[in-house]
Amino acid sequence: MTNTAAATSEAKMATETPKIVWNEGKRRFETEDHEAYIEYKMRNNGKVMDLVHTYVPSSKRGLGLASHLCVAAFEHASSHSISVVPSCSYVSDTFLPRNQSWKPLVHSEDLKSSI
């Protein structure tokens, strides 16, 4: 494979949307190969999803997988009327500042005291 073909192949892999699946038994959203995932814990009788840990293996970093995992978790929360606690530092410090549209789903302290 030439350098140009290799670069094209890598660019294609980076722009394809990975398939993220919900693994309810393990309480996580993960890539089809199970290598990258975002873990959660359900709180407040299933009304709140606490995103506790995001993991992407070093061989797959830089492809946007962590962001795709977050989107899957937030879409799931949105479609099930669940609020989100961003305990994972990637979610709170990187994903949410870059994706302001998901902030309305974030569980607030005021809401916490009223549940």
N, C-alpha and C. Protein backbone atom coordinates (compact mmCIF):
# COMPACT_ATOMS: atom_id res chain seq x y z
N MET A 1 0.85 -1.18 0.00
CA MET A 1 0.00 0.00 0.00
C MET A 1 0.89 1.24 0.00
N THR A 2 0.58 2.19 -0.82
CA THR A 2 1.36 3.41 -0.88
C THR A 2 1.04 4.29 0.31
N ASN A 3 1.90 5.28 0.54
CA ASN A 3 1.65 6.21 1.64
C ASN A 3 0.34 6.95 1.48
N THR A 4 0.01 7.30 0.24
CA THR A 4 -1.24 8.01 -0.02
C THR A 4 -2.44 7.12 0.28
N ALA A 5 -2.37 5.86 -0.15
CA ALA A 5 -3.48 4.93 0.11
C ALA A 5 -3.62 4.67 1.60
N ALA A 6 -2.50 4.55 2.32
CA ALA A 6 -2.54 4.33 3.76
C ALA A 6 -3.17 5.53 4.47
N ALA A 7 -2.80 6.73 4.05
CA ALA A 7 -3.34 7.95 4.66
C ALA A 7 -4.84 8.05 4.39
N THR A 8 -5.25 7.69 3.18
CA THR A 8 -6.68 7.72 2.83
C THR A 8 -7.45 6.71 3.68
N SER A 9 -6.88 5.53 3.85
CA SER A 9 -7.53 4.50 4.66
C SER A 9 -7.67 4.95 6.11
N GLU A 10 -6.62 5.55 6.68
CA GLU A 10 -6.66 6.04 8.05
C GLU A 10 -7.68 7.17 8.19
N ALA A 11 -7.74 8.06 7.23
CA ALA A 11 -8.70 9.17 7.28
C ALA A 11 -10.12 8.63 7.22
N LYS A 12 -10.35 7.61 6.40
CA LYS A 12 -11.68 7.02 6.30
C LYS A 12 -12.08 6.42 7.63
N MET A 13 -11.17 5.70 8.29
CA MET A 13 -11.47 5.08 9.58
C MET A 13 -11.80 6.15 10.62
N ALA A 14 -11.10 7.26 10.57
CA ALA A 14 -11.31 8.33 11.55
C ALA A 14 -12.62 9.06 11.35
N THR A 15 -13.15 9.06 10.11
CA THR A 15 -14.38 9.80 9.86
C THR A 15 -15.63 8.92 9.91
N GLU A 16 -15.47 7.61 9.89
CA GLU A 16 -16.62 6.72 9.98
C GLU A 16 -17.17 6.77 11.41
N THR A 17 -18.48 6.76 11.53
CA THR A 17 -19.10 6.74 12.85
C THR A 17 -19.06 5.31 13.37
N PRO A 18 -18.43 5.11 14.52
CA PRO A 18 -18.36 3.75 15.06
C PRO A 18 -19.72 3.31 15.59
N LYS A 19 -19.98 2.03 15.56
CA LYS A 19 -21.22 1.51 16.12
C LYS A 19 -21.03 1.36 17.62
N ILE A 20 -21.88 2.05 18.38
CA ILE A 20 -21.85 1.99 19.84
C ILE A 20 -23.08 1.19 20.27
N VAL A 21 -22.86 0.23 21.15
CA VAL A 21 -23.96 -0.60 21.63
C VAL A 21 -24.14 -0.43 23.13
N TRP A 22 -25.38 -0.61 23.57
CA TRP A 22 -25.71 -0.51 24.99
C TRP A 22 -25.57 -1.90 25.59
N ASN A 23 -24.70 -2.06 26.57
CA ASN A 23 -24.52 -3.32 27.28
C ASN A 23 -25.13 -3.12 28.66
N GLU A 24 -26.43 -3.35 28.75
CA GLU A 24 -27.15 -3.08 29.99
C GLU A 24 -26.63 -3.91 31.15
N GLY A 25 -26.26 -5.17 30.88
CA GLY A 25 -25.75 -6.05 31.93
C GLY A 25 -24.48 -5.55 32.58
N LYS A 26 -23.60 -4.95 31.77
CA LYS A 26 -22.34 -4.40 32.31
C LYS A 26 -22.47 -2.92 32.67
N ARG A 27 -23.66 -2.37 32.47
CA ARG A 27 -23.93 -0.95 32.72
C ARG A 27 -22.93 -0.05 31.99
N ARG A 28 -22.89 -0.23 30.69
CA ARG A 28 -22.00 0.62 29.89
C ARG A 28 -22.43 0.66 28.44
N PHE A 29 -21.93 1.68 27.75
CA PHE A 29 -22.07 1.79 26.31
C PHE A 29 -20.68 1.49 25.77
N GLU A 30 -20.59 0.69 24.70
CA GLU A 30 -19.28 0.24 24.24
C GLU A 30 -19.24 0.11 22.73
N THR A 31 -18.03 0.08 22.21
CA THR A 31 -17.86 -0.18 20.79
C THR A 31 -18.17 -1.65 20.54
N GLU A 32 -18.46 -1.99 19.30
CA GLU A 32 -18.82 -3.38 18.97
C GLU A 32 -17.74 -4.38 19.40
N ASP A 33 -16.49 -3.96 19.37
CA ASP A 33 -15.40 -4.87 19.76
C ASP A 33 -15.18 -4.90 21.28
N HIS A 34 -15.99 -4.15 22.03
CA HIS A 34 -15.97 -4.10 23.50
C HIS A 34 -14.69 -3.47 24.07
N GLU A 35 -13.87 -2.85 23.23
CA GLU A 35 -12.60 -2.31 23.70
C GLU A 35 -12.71 -0.92 24.30
N ALA A 36 -13.60 -0.10 23.79
CA ALA A 36 -13.79 1.26 24.30
C ALA A 36 -15.18 1.33 24.91
N TYR A 37 -15.30 2.03 26.04
CA TYR A 37 -16.60 2.06 26.71
C TYR A 37 -16.73 3.25 27.65
N ILE A 38 -17.98 3.54 28.02
CA ILE A 38 -18.29 4.50 29.06
C ILE A 38 -19.20 3.77 30.05
N GLU A 39 -18.78 3.74 31.30
CA GLU A 39 -19.53 3.05 32.36
C GLU A 39 -20.43 4.02 33.10
N TYR A 40 -21.54 3.50 33.60
CA TYR A 40 -22.46 4.33 34.36
C TYR A 40 -23.02 3.55 35.55
N LYS A 41 -23.58 4.30 36.48
CA LYS A 41 -24.33 3.74 37.60
C LYS A 41 -25.67 4.45 37.61
N MET A 42 -26.73 3.71 37.83
CA MET A 42 -28.05 4.32 37.92
C MET A 42 -28.29 4.74 39.36
N ARG A 43 -28.85 5.91 39.53
CA ARG A 43 -29.12 6.46 40.86
C ARG A 43 -30.57 6.96 40.93
N ASN A 44 -31.01 7.31 42.13
CA ASN A 44 -32.35 7.89 42.34
C ASN A 44 -33.45 7.06 41.67
N ASN A 45 -33.45 5.77 41.96
CA ASN A 45 -34.47 4.86 41.42
C ASN A 45 -34.55 4.89 39.90
N GLY A 46 -33.40 4.95 39.25
CA GLY A 46 -33.35 4.91 37.79
C GLY A 46 -33.63 6.22 37.09
N LYS A 47 -33.72 7.30 37.84
CA LYS A 47 -34.00 8.61 37.23
C LYS A 47 -32.73 9.35 36.82
N VAL A 48 -31.57 8.88 37.33
CA VAL A 48 -30.31 9.56 37.10
C VAL A 48 -29.24 8.56 36.65
N MET A 49 -28.54 8.89 35.56
CA MET A 49 -27.44 8.07 35.08
C MET A 49 -26.13 8.79 35.42
N ASP A 50 -25.34 8.17 36.27
CA ASP A 50 -24.05 8.73 36.68
C ASP A 50 -22.97 8.14 35.78
N LEU A 51 -22.41 8.96 34.90
CA LEU A 51 -21.35 8.51 34.01
C LEU A 51 -20.04 8.54 34.79
N VAL A 52 -19.52 7.37 35.11
CA VAL A 52 -18.41 7.29 36.06
C VAL A 52 -17.03 7.07 35.45
N HIS A 53 -16.96 6.49 34.24
CA HIS A 53 -15.64 6.19 33.69
C HIS A 53 -15.72 6.00 32.18
N THR A 54 -14.79 6.62 31.48
CA THR A 54 -14.66 6.44 30.03
C THR A 54 -13.30 5.82 29.76
N TYR A 55 -13.27 4.80 28.91
CA TYR A 55 -12.00 4.17 28.57
C TYR A 55 -11.90 3.95 27.06
N VAL A 56 -10.78 4.37 26.50
CA VAL A 56 -10.45 4.11 25.10
C VAL A 56 -9.01 3.59 25.09
N PRO A 57 -8.76 2.40 24.51
CA PRO A 57 -7.39 1.89 24.50
C PRO A 57 -6.46 2.82 23.71
N SER A 58 -5.20 2.83 24.09
CA SER A 58 -4.24 3.76 23.47
C SER A 58 -4.19 3.59 21.95
N SER A 59 -4.41 2.37 21.46
CA SER A 59 -4.36 2.13 20.02
C SER A 59 -5.50 2.80 19.26
N LYS A 60 -6.53 3.22 19.99
CA LYS A 60 -7.70 3.83 19.33
C LYS A 60 -7.94 5.27 19.75
N ARG A 61 -7.02 5.85 20.48
CA ARG A 61 -7.20 7.23 20.92
C ARG A 61 -6.99 8.19 19.76
N GLY A 62 -7.66 9.33 19.85
CA GLY A 62 -7.54 10.34 18.80
C GLY A 62 -8.54 10.16 17.66
N LEU A 63 -9.41 9.16 17.76
CA LEU A 63 -10.40 8.90 16.71
C LEU A 63 -11.78 9.43 17.07
N GLY A 64 -11.91 10.04 18.24
CA GLY A 64 -13.19 10.58 18.66
C GLY A 64 -14.12 9.56 19.31
N LEU A 65 -13.59 8.39 19.67
CA LEU A 65 -14.44 7.36 20.26
C LEU A 65 -15.07 7.79 21.58
N ALA A 66 -14.31 8.46 22.42
CA ALA A 66 -14.85 8.89 23.72
C ALA A 66 -16.07 9.80 23.51
N SER A 67 -15.98 10.68 22.55
CA SER A 67 -17.11 11.57 22.25
C SER A 67 -18.31 10.77 21.75
N HIS A 68 -18.08 9.80 20.86
CA HIS A 68 -19.18 8.97 20.36
C HIS A 68 -19.84 8.18 21.50
N LEU A 69 -19.03 7.71 22.44
CA LEU A 69 -19.57 6.98 23.59
C LEU A 69 -20.46 7.91 24.43
N CYS A 70 -19.99 9.14 24.64
CA CYS A 70 -20.77 10.11 25.40
C CYS A 70 -22.09 10.43 24.70
N VAL A 71 -22.04 10.63 23.41
CA VAL A 71 -23.26 10.93 22.66
C VAL A 71 -24.26 9.79 22.81
N ALA A 72 -23.80 8.55 22.72
CA ALA A 72 -24.70 7.40 22.87
C ALA A 72 -25.35 7.41 24.26
N ALA A 73 -24.55 7.69 25.29
CA ALA A 73 -25.09 7.73 26.66
C ALA A 73 -26.09 8.87 26.83
N PHE A 74 -25.76 10.05 26.32
CA PHE A 74 -26.67 11.19 26.44
C PHE A 74 -27.94 11.00 25.61
N GLU A 75 -27.82 10.39 24.42
CA GLU A 75 -29.01 10.11 23.62
C GLU A 75 -29.92 9.12 24.34
N HIS A 76 -29.33 8.11 24.95
CA HIS A 76 -30.10 7.14 25.72
C HIS A 76 -30.82 7.82 26.88
N ALA A 77 -30.07 8.64 27.61
CA ALA A 77 -30.66 9.37 28.74
C ALA A 77 -31.81 10.26 28.27
N SER A 78 -31.60 10.96 27.19
CA SER A 78 -32.62 11.86 26.66
C SER A 78 -33.88 11.09 26.27
N SER A 79 -33.72 9.98 25.58
CA SER A 79 -34.88 9.24 25.10
C SER A 79 -35.62 8.51 26.22
N HIS A 80 -34.98 8.36 27.39
CA HIS A 80 -35.61 7.69 28.53
C HIS A 80 -35.93 8.67 29.67
N SER A 81 -35.86 9.97 29.39
CA SER A 81 -36.14 11.01 30.40
C SER A 81 -35.32 10.83 31.66
N ILE A 82 -34.03 10.58 31.47
CA ILE A 82 -33.09 10.39 32.57
C ILE A 82 -32.13 11.57 32.57
N SER A 83 -31.80 12.08 33.75
CA SER A 83 -30.78 13.12 33.82
C SER A 83 -29.41 12.46 34.02
N VAL A 84 -28.36 13.22 33.81
CA VAL A 84 -27.00 12.69 33.80
C VAL A 84 -26.12 13.41 34.82
N VAL A 85 -25.34 12.63 35.55
CA VAL A 85 -24.31 13.19 36.43
C VAL A 85 -22.97 12.89 35.74
N PRO A 86 -22.21 13.93 35.39
CA PRO A 86 -20.94 13.71 34.71
C PRO A 86 -19.77 13.52 35.68
N SER A 87 -19.76 12.41 36.43
CA SER A 87 -18.67 12.16 37.38
C SER A 87 -17.34 11.92 36.69
N CYS A 88 -17.36 11.33 35.51
CA CYS A 88 -16.13 11.10 34.75
C CYS A 88 -15.54 12.44 34.31
N SER A 89 -14.26 12.62 34.55
CA SER A 89 -13.62 13.90 34.21
C SER A 89 -13.64 14.18 32.71
N TYR A 90 -13.59 13.15 31.87
CA TYR A 90 -13.66 13.40 30.43
C TYR A 90 -15.01 14.02 30.08
N VAL A 91 -16.07 13.46 30.65
CA VAL A 91 -17.42 13.97 30.36
C VAL A 91 -17.56 15.41 30.84
N SER A 92 -17.16 15.68 32.09
CA SER A 92 -17.36 17.01 32.66
C SER A 92 -16.40 18.06 32.12
N ASP A 93 -15.15 17.67 31.89
CA ASP A 93 -14.12 18.66 31.53
C ASP A 93 -13.86 18.80 30.03
N THR A 94 -14.21 17.80 29.26
CA THR A 94 -13.93 17.84 27.82
C THR A 94 -15.19 17.77 26.98
N PHE A 95 -15.99 16.72 27.18
CA PHE A 95 -17.16 16.53 26.33
C PHE A 95 -18.20 17.64 26.48
N LEU A 96 -18.63 17.90 27.70
CA LEU A 96 -19.69 18.91 27.89
C LEU A 96 -19.28 20.32 27.46
N PRO A 97 -18.06 20.78 27.78
CA PRO A 97 -17.68 22.12 27.28
C PRO A 97 -17.68 22.21 25.75
N ARG A 98 -17.41 21.10 25.08
CA ARG A 98 -17.40 21.09 23.61
C ARG A 98 -18.79 20.83 23.02
N ASN A 99 -19.72 20.35 23.84
CA ASN A 99 -21.05 19.96 23.36
C ASN A 99 -22.11 20.53 24.29
N GLN A 100 -22.24 21.85 24.25
CA GLN A 100 -23.14 22.58 25.16
C GLN A 100 -24.60 22.13 25.06
N SER A 101 -24.99 21.60 23.91
CA SER A 101 -26.39 21.24 23.72
C SER A 101 -26.85 20.12 24.66
N TRP A 102 -25.93 19.36 25.24
CA TRP A 102 -26.30 18.29 26.17
C TRP A 102 -26.43 18.77 27.61
N LYS A 103 -26.02 19.98 27.89
CA LYS A 103 -26.04 20.48 29.28
C LYS A 103 -27.41 20.46 29.95
N PRO A 104 -28.52 20.64 29.22
CA PRO A 104 -29.83 20.58 29.90
C PRO A 104 -30.12 19.22 30.55
N LEU A 105 -29.44 18.17 30.11
CA LEU A 105 -29.64 16.85 30.72
C LEU A 105 -28.85 16.65 32.01
N VAL A 106 -27.92 17.56 32.28
CA VAL A 106 -27.07 17.40 33.47
C VAL A 106 -27.89 17.60 34.73
N HIS A 107 -27.78 16.66 35.62
CA HIS A 107 -28.50 16.64 36.89
C HIS A 107 -27.96 17.76 37.78
N SER A 108 -28.84 18.64 38.21
CA SER A 108 -28.40 19.77 39.03
C SER A 108 -28.53 19.45 40.51
N GLU A 109 -27.79 20.17 41.31
CA GLU A 109 -27.86 20.00 42.78
C GLU A 109 -29.27 20.31 43.28
N ASP A 110 -29.91 21.32 42.69
CA ASP A 110 -31.26 21.67 43.11
C ASP A 110 -32.22 20.53 42.85
N LEU A 111 -32.08 19.89 41.68
CA LEU A 111 -32.93 18.77 41.35
C LEU A 111 -32.65 17.61 42.31
N LYS A 112 -31.40 17.41 42.66
CA LYS A 112 -31.01 16.33 43.54
C LYS A 112 -31.76 16.40 44.87
N SER A 113 -31.85 17.59 45.43
CA SER A 113 -32.48 17.75 46.73
C SER A 113 -34.01 17.58 46.67
N SER A 114 -34.57 17.71 45.47
CA SER A 114 -36.02 17.60 45.36
C SER A 114 -36.51 16.20 44.99
N ILE A 115 -35.57 15.31 44.71
CA ILE A 115 -35.97 13.94 44.32
C ILE A 115 -36.04 13.06 45.55
